Amino acid sequence: MFNQSIVTLELLFKWECELIEFGGESDHVHLLIETHPSIDLSKLVNNIKTVTSRKLRSEFSQHLKNFYWTEKPQFWSGSYALISFGAQAPLDQLIKYVQNQEKPQ
């Protein structure tokens, strides 16, 4: 079975980032990622969306035909919320927040 978190971890490794915590709801995800200040965060988010969508379409193309009418279903909306935290926000509080989200299936 496809494991979305492995794809995300490999992708973040290429960006020299670290996934600290992962959670979400049925219609969105929360990723707590440690990055270098020089990382273009909008490019990182869009790359995560592109790579994970491509992988899902590749792994589950037959199954997706039951739910989508197009060959290239859109899994992510065009928008996202991105919040950058520095030393003002204790890391343990951020981890607890993400952990309190449901795990997406």
N, C-alpha and C. Protein backbone atom coordinates (compact mmCIF):
# COMPACT_ATOMS: atom_id res chain seq x y z
N MET A 1 0.85 -1.19 0.00
CA MET A 1 0.00 0.00 0.00
C MET A 1 0.89 1.24 0.00
N PHE A 2 0.43 2.25 -0.66
CA PHE A 2 1.15 3.51 -0.77
C PHE A 2 1.27 4.17 0.60
N ASN A 3 2.43 4.65 0.92
CA ASN A 3 2.65 5.32 2.19
C ASN A 3 3.04 6.76 1.92
N GLN A 4 2.08 7.66 2.05
CA GLN A 4 2.29 9.07 1.76
C GLN A 4 3.42 9.67 2.59
N SER A 5 3.56 9.24 3.83
CA SER A 5 4.57 9.85 4.70
C SER A 5 5.98 9.53 4.22
N ILE A 6 6.20 8.35 3.63
CA ILE A 6 7.53 8.01 3.12
C ILE A 6 7.90 8.92 1.96
N VAL A 7 6.96 9.15 1.06
CA VAL A 7 7.21 10.06 -0.06
C VAL A 7 7.53 11.45 0.46
N THR A 8 6.77 11.91 1.43
CA THR A 8 6.99 13.24 2.00
C THR A 8 8.34 13.32 2.68
N LEU A 9 8.74 12.29 3.42
CA LEU A 9 10.04 12.29 4.09
C LEU A 9 11.18 12.34 3.08
N GLU A 10 11.08 11.56 2.01
CA GLU A 10 12.11 11.58 0.98
C GLU A 10 12.20 12.95 0.31
N LEU A 11 11.06 13.54 0.04
CA LEU A 11 11.03 14.85 -0.57
C LEU A 11 11.66 15.90 0.35
N LEU A 12 11.29 15.87 1.62
CA LEU A 12 11.84 16.84 2.56
C LEU A 12 13.34 16.66 2.73
N PHE A 13 13.81 15.43 2.67
CA PHE A 13 15.25 15.17 2.74
C PHE A 13 15.97 15.88 1.59
N LYS A 14 15.39 15.81 0.41
CA LYS A 14 15.99 16.48 -0.76
C LYS A 14 16.03 18.00 -0.58
N TRP A 15 15.05 18.53 0.15
CA TRP A 15 15.01 19.97 0.42
C TRP A 15 15.84 20.33 1.66
N GLU A 16 16.47 19.33 2.27
CA GLU A 16 17.25 19.51 3.50
C GLU A 16 16.37 20.05 4.63
N CYS A 17 15.17 19.50 4.73
CA CYS A 17 14.22 19.87 5.77
C CYS A 17 13.92 18.63 6.61
N GLU A 18 13.32 18.85 7.77
CA GLU A 18 12.96 17.73 8.64
C GLU A 18 11.49 17.82 9.02
N LEU A 19 10.78 16.70 8.84
CA LEU A 19 9.38 16.63 9.27
C LEU A 19 9.37 16.35 10.77
N ILE A 20 8.87 17.30 11.54
CA ILE A 20 8.81 17.17 13.00
C ILE A 20 7.54 16.44 13.42
N GLU A 21 6.42 16.82 12.82
CA GLU A 21 5.13 16.21 13.18
C GLU A 21 4.18 16.31 11.99
N PHE A 22 3.20 15.40 11.97
CA PHE A 22 2.26 15.29 10.86
C PHE A 22 0.88 14.98 11.42
N GLY A 23 -0.14 15.71 10.98
CA GLY A 23 -1.51 15.45 11.40
C GLY A 23 -2.45 16.10 10.41
N GLY A 24 -3.74 15.98 10.64
CA GLY A 24 -4.67 16.63 9.73
C GLY A 24 -6.10 16.23 9.95
N GLU A 25 -6.94 16.68 9.07
CA GLU A 25 -8.36 16.38 9.06
C GLU A 25 -8.68 15.72 7.73
N SER A 26 -9.95 15.46 7.48
CA SER A 26 -10.31 14.81 6.22
C SER A 26 -10.07 15.71 5.01
N ASP A 27 -10.02 17.02 5.22
CA ASP A 27 -9.87 17.93 4.09
C ASP A 27 -8.60 18.77 4.12
N HIS A 28 -7.70 18.52 5.04
CA HIS A 28 -6.42 19.24 5.06
C HIS A 28 -5.41 18.51 5.94
N VAL A 29 -4.16 18.88 5.79
CA VAL A 29 -3.10 18.28 6.60
C VAL A 29 -2.32 19.38 7.31
N HIS A 30 -1.66 18.98 8.38
CA HIS A 30 -0.76 19.85 9.12
C HIS A 30 0.62 19.21 9.07
N LEU A 31 1.59 19.95 8.58
CA LEU A 31 2.97 19.48 8.56
C LEU A 31 3.79 20.47 9.37
N LEU A 32 4.46 20.00 10.39
CA LEU A 32 5.39 20.82 11.15
C LEU A 32 6.78 20.47 10.64
N ILE A 33 7.37 21.40 9.92
CA ILE A 33 8.63 21.15 9.21
C ILE A 33 9.69 22.13 9.69
N GLU A 34 10.87 21.60 9.95
CA GLU A 34 12.02 22.46 10.27
C GLU A 34 12.78 22.71 8.98
N THR A 35 12.96 23.99 8.65
CA THR A 35 13.65 24.36 7.42
C THR A 35 14.76 25.36 7.71
N HIS A 36 15.64 25.50 6.76
CA HIS A 36 16.65 26.54 6.81
C HIS A 36 15.99 27.85 6.36
N PRO A 37 16.39 28.98 6.91
CA PRO A 37 15.76 30.26 6.53
C PRO A 37 15.85 30.58 5.04
N SER A 38 16.79 29.98 4.34
CA SER A 38 16.94 30.29 2.91
C SER A 38 15.95 29.53 2.02
N ILE A 39 15.21 28.58 2.58
CA ILE A 39 14.26 27.78 1.80
C ILE A 39 13.09 28.65 1.36
N ASP A 40 12.74 28.58 0.09
CA ASP A 40 11.56 29.27 -0.43
C ASP A 40 10.35 28.40 -0.07
N LEU A 41 9.63 28.79 0.98
CA LEU A 41 8.56 27.96 1.53
C LEU A 41 7.41 27.73 0.55
N SER A 42 7.09 28.72 -0.26
CA SER A 42 6.00 28.52 -1.22
C SER A 42 6.40 27.47 -2.26
N LYS A 43 7.65 27.45 -2.68
CA LYS A 43 8.11 26.42 -3.61
C LYS A 43 8.11 25.05 -2.95
N LEU A 44 8.49 24.99 -1.68
CA LEU A 44 8.47 23.73 -0.95
C LEU A 44 7.05 23.17 -0.88
N VAL A 45 6.09 23.99 -0.49
CA VAL A 45 4.70 23.54 -0.37
C VAL A 45 4.18 23.06 -1.73
N ASN A 46 4.43 23.83 -2.77
CA ASN A 46 3.96 23.43 -4.09
C ASN A 46 4.64 22.16 -4.58
N ASN A 47 5.91 21.96 -4.22
CA ASN A 47 6.59 20.73 -4.60
C ASN A 47 6.00 19.52 -3.86
N ILE A 48 5.67 19.69 -2.60
CA ILE A 48 5.03 18.61 -1.83
C ILE A 48 3.70 18.24 -2.49
N LYS A 49 2.92 19.24 -2.85
CA LYS A 49 1.62 18.99 -3.50
C LYS A 49 1.80 18.26 -4.84
N THR A 50 2.74 18.72 -5.64
CA THR A 50 2.96 18.12 -6.96
C THR A 50 3.42 16.68 -6.85
N VAL A 51 4.42 16.44 -6.03
CA VAL A 51 4.99 15.09 -5.92
C VAL A 51 3.99 14.10 -5.33
N THR A 52 3.27 14.51 -4.29
CA THR A 52 2.31 13.58 -3.68
C THR A 52 1.13 13.31 -4.61
N SER A 53 0.66 14.31 -5.34
CA SER A 53 -0.42 14.09 -6.30
C SER A 53 0.01 13.13 -7.40
N ARG A 54 1.20 13.35 -7.92
CA ARG A 54 1.72 12.49 -8.98
C ARG A 54 1.84 11.04 -8.51
N LYS A 55 2.32 10.88 -7.28
CA LYS A 55 2.49 9.53 -6.73
C LYS A 55 1.13 8.85 -6.53
N LEU A 56 0.16 9.57 -6.01
CA LEU A 56 -1.17 9.00 -5.83
C LEU A 56 -1.79 8.57 -7.15
N ARG A 57 -1.66 9.43 -8.17
CA ARG A 57 -2.21 9.09 -9.48
C ARG A 57 -1.50 7.87 -10.07
N SER A 58 -0.22 7.77 -9.85
CA SER A 58 0.55 6.64 -10.36
C SER A 58 0.18 5.34 -9.65
N GLU A 59 0.10 5.38 -8.35
CA GLU A 59 -0.15 4.18 -7.55
C GLU A 59 -1.59 3.69 -7.63
N PHE A 60 -2.54 4.60 -7.75
CA PHE A 60 -3.95 4.24 -7.63
C PHE A 60 -4.79 4.65 -8.84
N SER A 61 -4.21 4.65 -10.03
CA SER A 61 -4.94 5.13 -11.20
C SER A 61 -6.23 4.37 -11.44
N GLN A 62 -6.22 3.06 -11.33
CA GLN A 62 -7.43 2.27 -11.56
C GLN A 62 -8.51 2.58 -10.52
N HIS A 63 -8.12 2.66 -9.28
CA HIS A 63 -9.07 2.95 -8.20
C HIS A 63 -9.67 4.35 -8.36
N LEU A 64 -8.85 5.31 -8.75
CA LEU A 64 -9.31 6.69 -8.86
C LEU A 64 -10.34 6.87 -9.97
N LYS A 65 -10.29 6.02 -10.99
CA LYS A 65 -11.26 6.12 -12.08
C LYS A 65 -12.69 5.94 -11.58
N ASN A 66 -12.86 5.30 -10.44
CA ASN A 66 -14.20 5.13 -9.85
C ASN A 66 -14.75 6.42 -9.26
N PHE A 67 -13.87 7.39 -9.00
CA PHE A 67 -14.28 8.60 -8.29
C PHE A 67 -14.08 9.88 -9.08
N TYR A 68 -13.18 9.86 -10.07
CA TYR A 68 -12.88 11.06 -10.84
C TYR A 68 -13.17 10.83 -12.31
N TRP A 69 -13.65 11.85 -12.98
CA TRP A 69 -13.97 11.74 -14.40
C TRP A 69 -12.79 12.10 -15.28
N THR A 70 -11.80 12.74 -14.73
CA THR A 70 -10.66 13.16 -15.53
C THR A 70 -9.48 12.23 -15.30
N GLU A 71 -8.57 12.24 -16.24
CA GLU A 71 -7.36 11.42 -16.13
C GLU A 71 -6.41 11.97 -15.06
N LYS A 72 -6.53 13.26 -14.80
CA LYS A 72 -5.60 13.91 -13.88
C LYS A 72 -6.39 14.59 -12.76
N PRO A 73 -6.88 13.82 -11.77
CA PRO A 73 -7.66 14.42 -10.69
C PRO A 73 -6.82 15.39 -9.85
N GLN A 74 -7.47 16.39 -9.33
CA GLN A 74 -6.79 17.37 -8.49
C GLN A 74 -7.00 16.99 -7.03
N PHE A 75 -5.91 16.72 -6.33
CA PHE A 75 -6.00 16.31 -4.93
C PHE A 75 -5.85 17.48 -3.97
N TRP A 76 -5.17 18.50 -4.38
CA TRP A 76 -4.91 19.65 -3.51
C TRP A 76 -5.60 20.87 -4.09
N SER A 77 -6.06 21.75 -3.20
CA SER A 77 -6.58 23.03 -3.68
C SER A 77 -5.40 23.91 -4.05
N GLY A 78 -5.68 24.99 -4.72
CA GLY A 78 -4.61 25.90 -5.10
C GLY A 78 -4.10 26.73 -3.93
N SER A 79 -4.79 26.68 -2.82
CA SER A 79 -4.40 27.51 -1.67
C SER A 79 -3.73 26.68 -0.58
N TYR A 80 -3.10 27.38 0.33
CA TYR A 80 -2.52 26.75 1.52
C TYR A 80 -2.29 27.84 2.56
N ALA A 81 -2.19 27.42 3.81
CA ALA A 81 -1.84 28.33 4.90
C ALA A 81 -0.44 27.96 5.35
N LEU A 82 0.39 28.95 5.48
CA LEU A 82 1.78 28.73 5.87
C LEU A 82 2.09 29.68 7.01
N ILE A 83 2.52 29.13 8.12
CA ILE A 83 2.85 29.94 9.28
C ILE A 83 4.28 29.65 9.67
N SER A 84 5.06 30.69 9.80
CA SER A 84 6.46 30.55 10.16
C SER A 84 6.62 30.91 11.64
N PHE A 85 7.30 30.05 12.37
CA PHE A 85 7.52 30.29 13.80
C PHE A 85 9.01 30.37 14.08
N GLY A 86 9.35 31.29 14.93
CA GLY A 86 10.72 31.39 15.38
C GLY A 86 10.79 30.94 16.82
N ALA A 87 11.64 31.57 17.58
CA ALA A 87 11.84 31.20 18.98
C ALA A 87 10.65 31.59 19.86
N GLN A 88 9.72 32.42 19.33
CA GLN A 88 8.58 32.86 20.14
C GLN A 88 7.64 31.72 20.49
N ALA A 89 7.53 30.74 19.64
CA ALA A 89 6.58 29.63 19.86
C ALA A 89 7.35 28.40 20.32
N PRO A 90 7.06 27.92 21.53
CA PRO A 90 7.74 26.72 22.01
C PRO A 90 7.42 25.52 21.12
N LEU A 91 8.45 24.79 20.72
CA LEU A 91 8.29 23.65 19.82
C LEU A 91 7.34 22.61 20.38
N ASP A 92 7.40 22.36 21.69
CA ASP A 92 6.52 21.34 22.27
C ASP A 92 5.04 21.72 22.12
N GLN A 93 4.72 23.01 22.16
CA GLN A 93 3.33 23.44 21.97
C GLN A 93 2.88 23.23 20.52
N LEU A 94 3.78 23.48 19.59
CA LEU A 94 3.45 23.26 18.18
C LEU A 94 3.25 21.77 17.90
N ILE A 95 4.09 20.94 18.47
CA ILE A 95 3.96 19.49 18.30
C ILE A 95 2.62 19.01 18.86
N LYS A 96 2.26 19.49 20.05
CA LYS A 96 0.98 19.10 20.65
C LYS A 96 -0.20 19.52 19.78
N TYR A 97 -0.12 20.71 19.21
CA TYR A 97 -1.20 21.18 18.34
C TYR A 97 -1.38 20.24 17.15
N VAL A 98 -0.29 19.90 16.49
CA VAL A 98 -0.38 19.02 15.32
C VAL A 98 -0.82 17.62 15.73
N GLN A 99 -0.35 17.13 16.86
CA GLN A 99 -0.74 15.80 17.32
C GLN A 99 -2.23 15.72 17.64
N ASN A 100 -2.82 16.84 18.02
CA ASN A 100 -4.25 16.85 18.34
C ASN A 100 -5.14 16.85 17.11
N GLN A 101 -4.55 16.93 15.93
CA GLN A 101 -5.31 16.82 14.69
C GLN A 101 -5.49 15.34 14.37
N GLU A 102 -6.55 15.01 13.67
CA GLU A 102 -6.74 13.62 13.25
C GLU A 102 -5.67 13.25 12.23
N LYS A 103 -5.37 11.98 12.14
CA LYS A 103 -4.43 11.50 11.12
C LYS A 103 -5.21 11.25 9.83
N PRO A 104 -4.81 11.88 8.72
CA PRO A 104 -5.52 11.65 7.46
C PRO A 104 -5.36 10.20 7.00
N GLN A 105 -6.37 9.68 6.37
CA GLN A 105 -6.34 8.28 5.89
C GLN A 105 -5.91 8.23 4.45
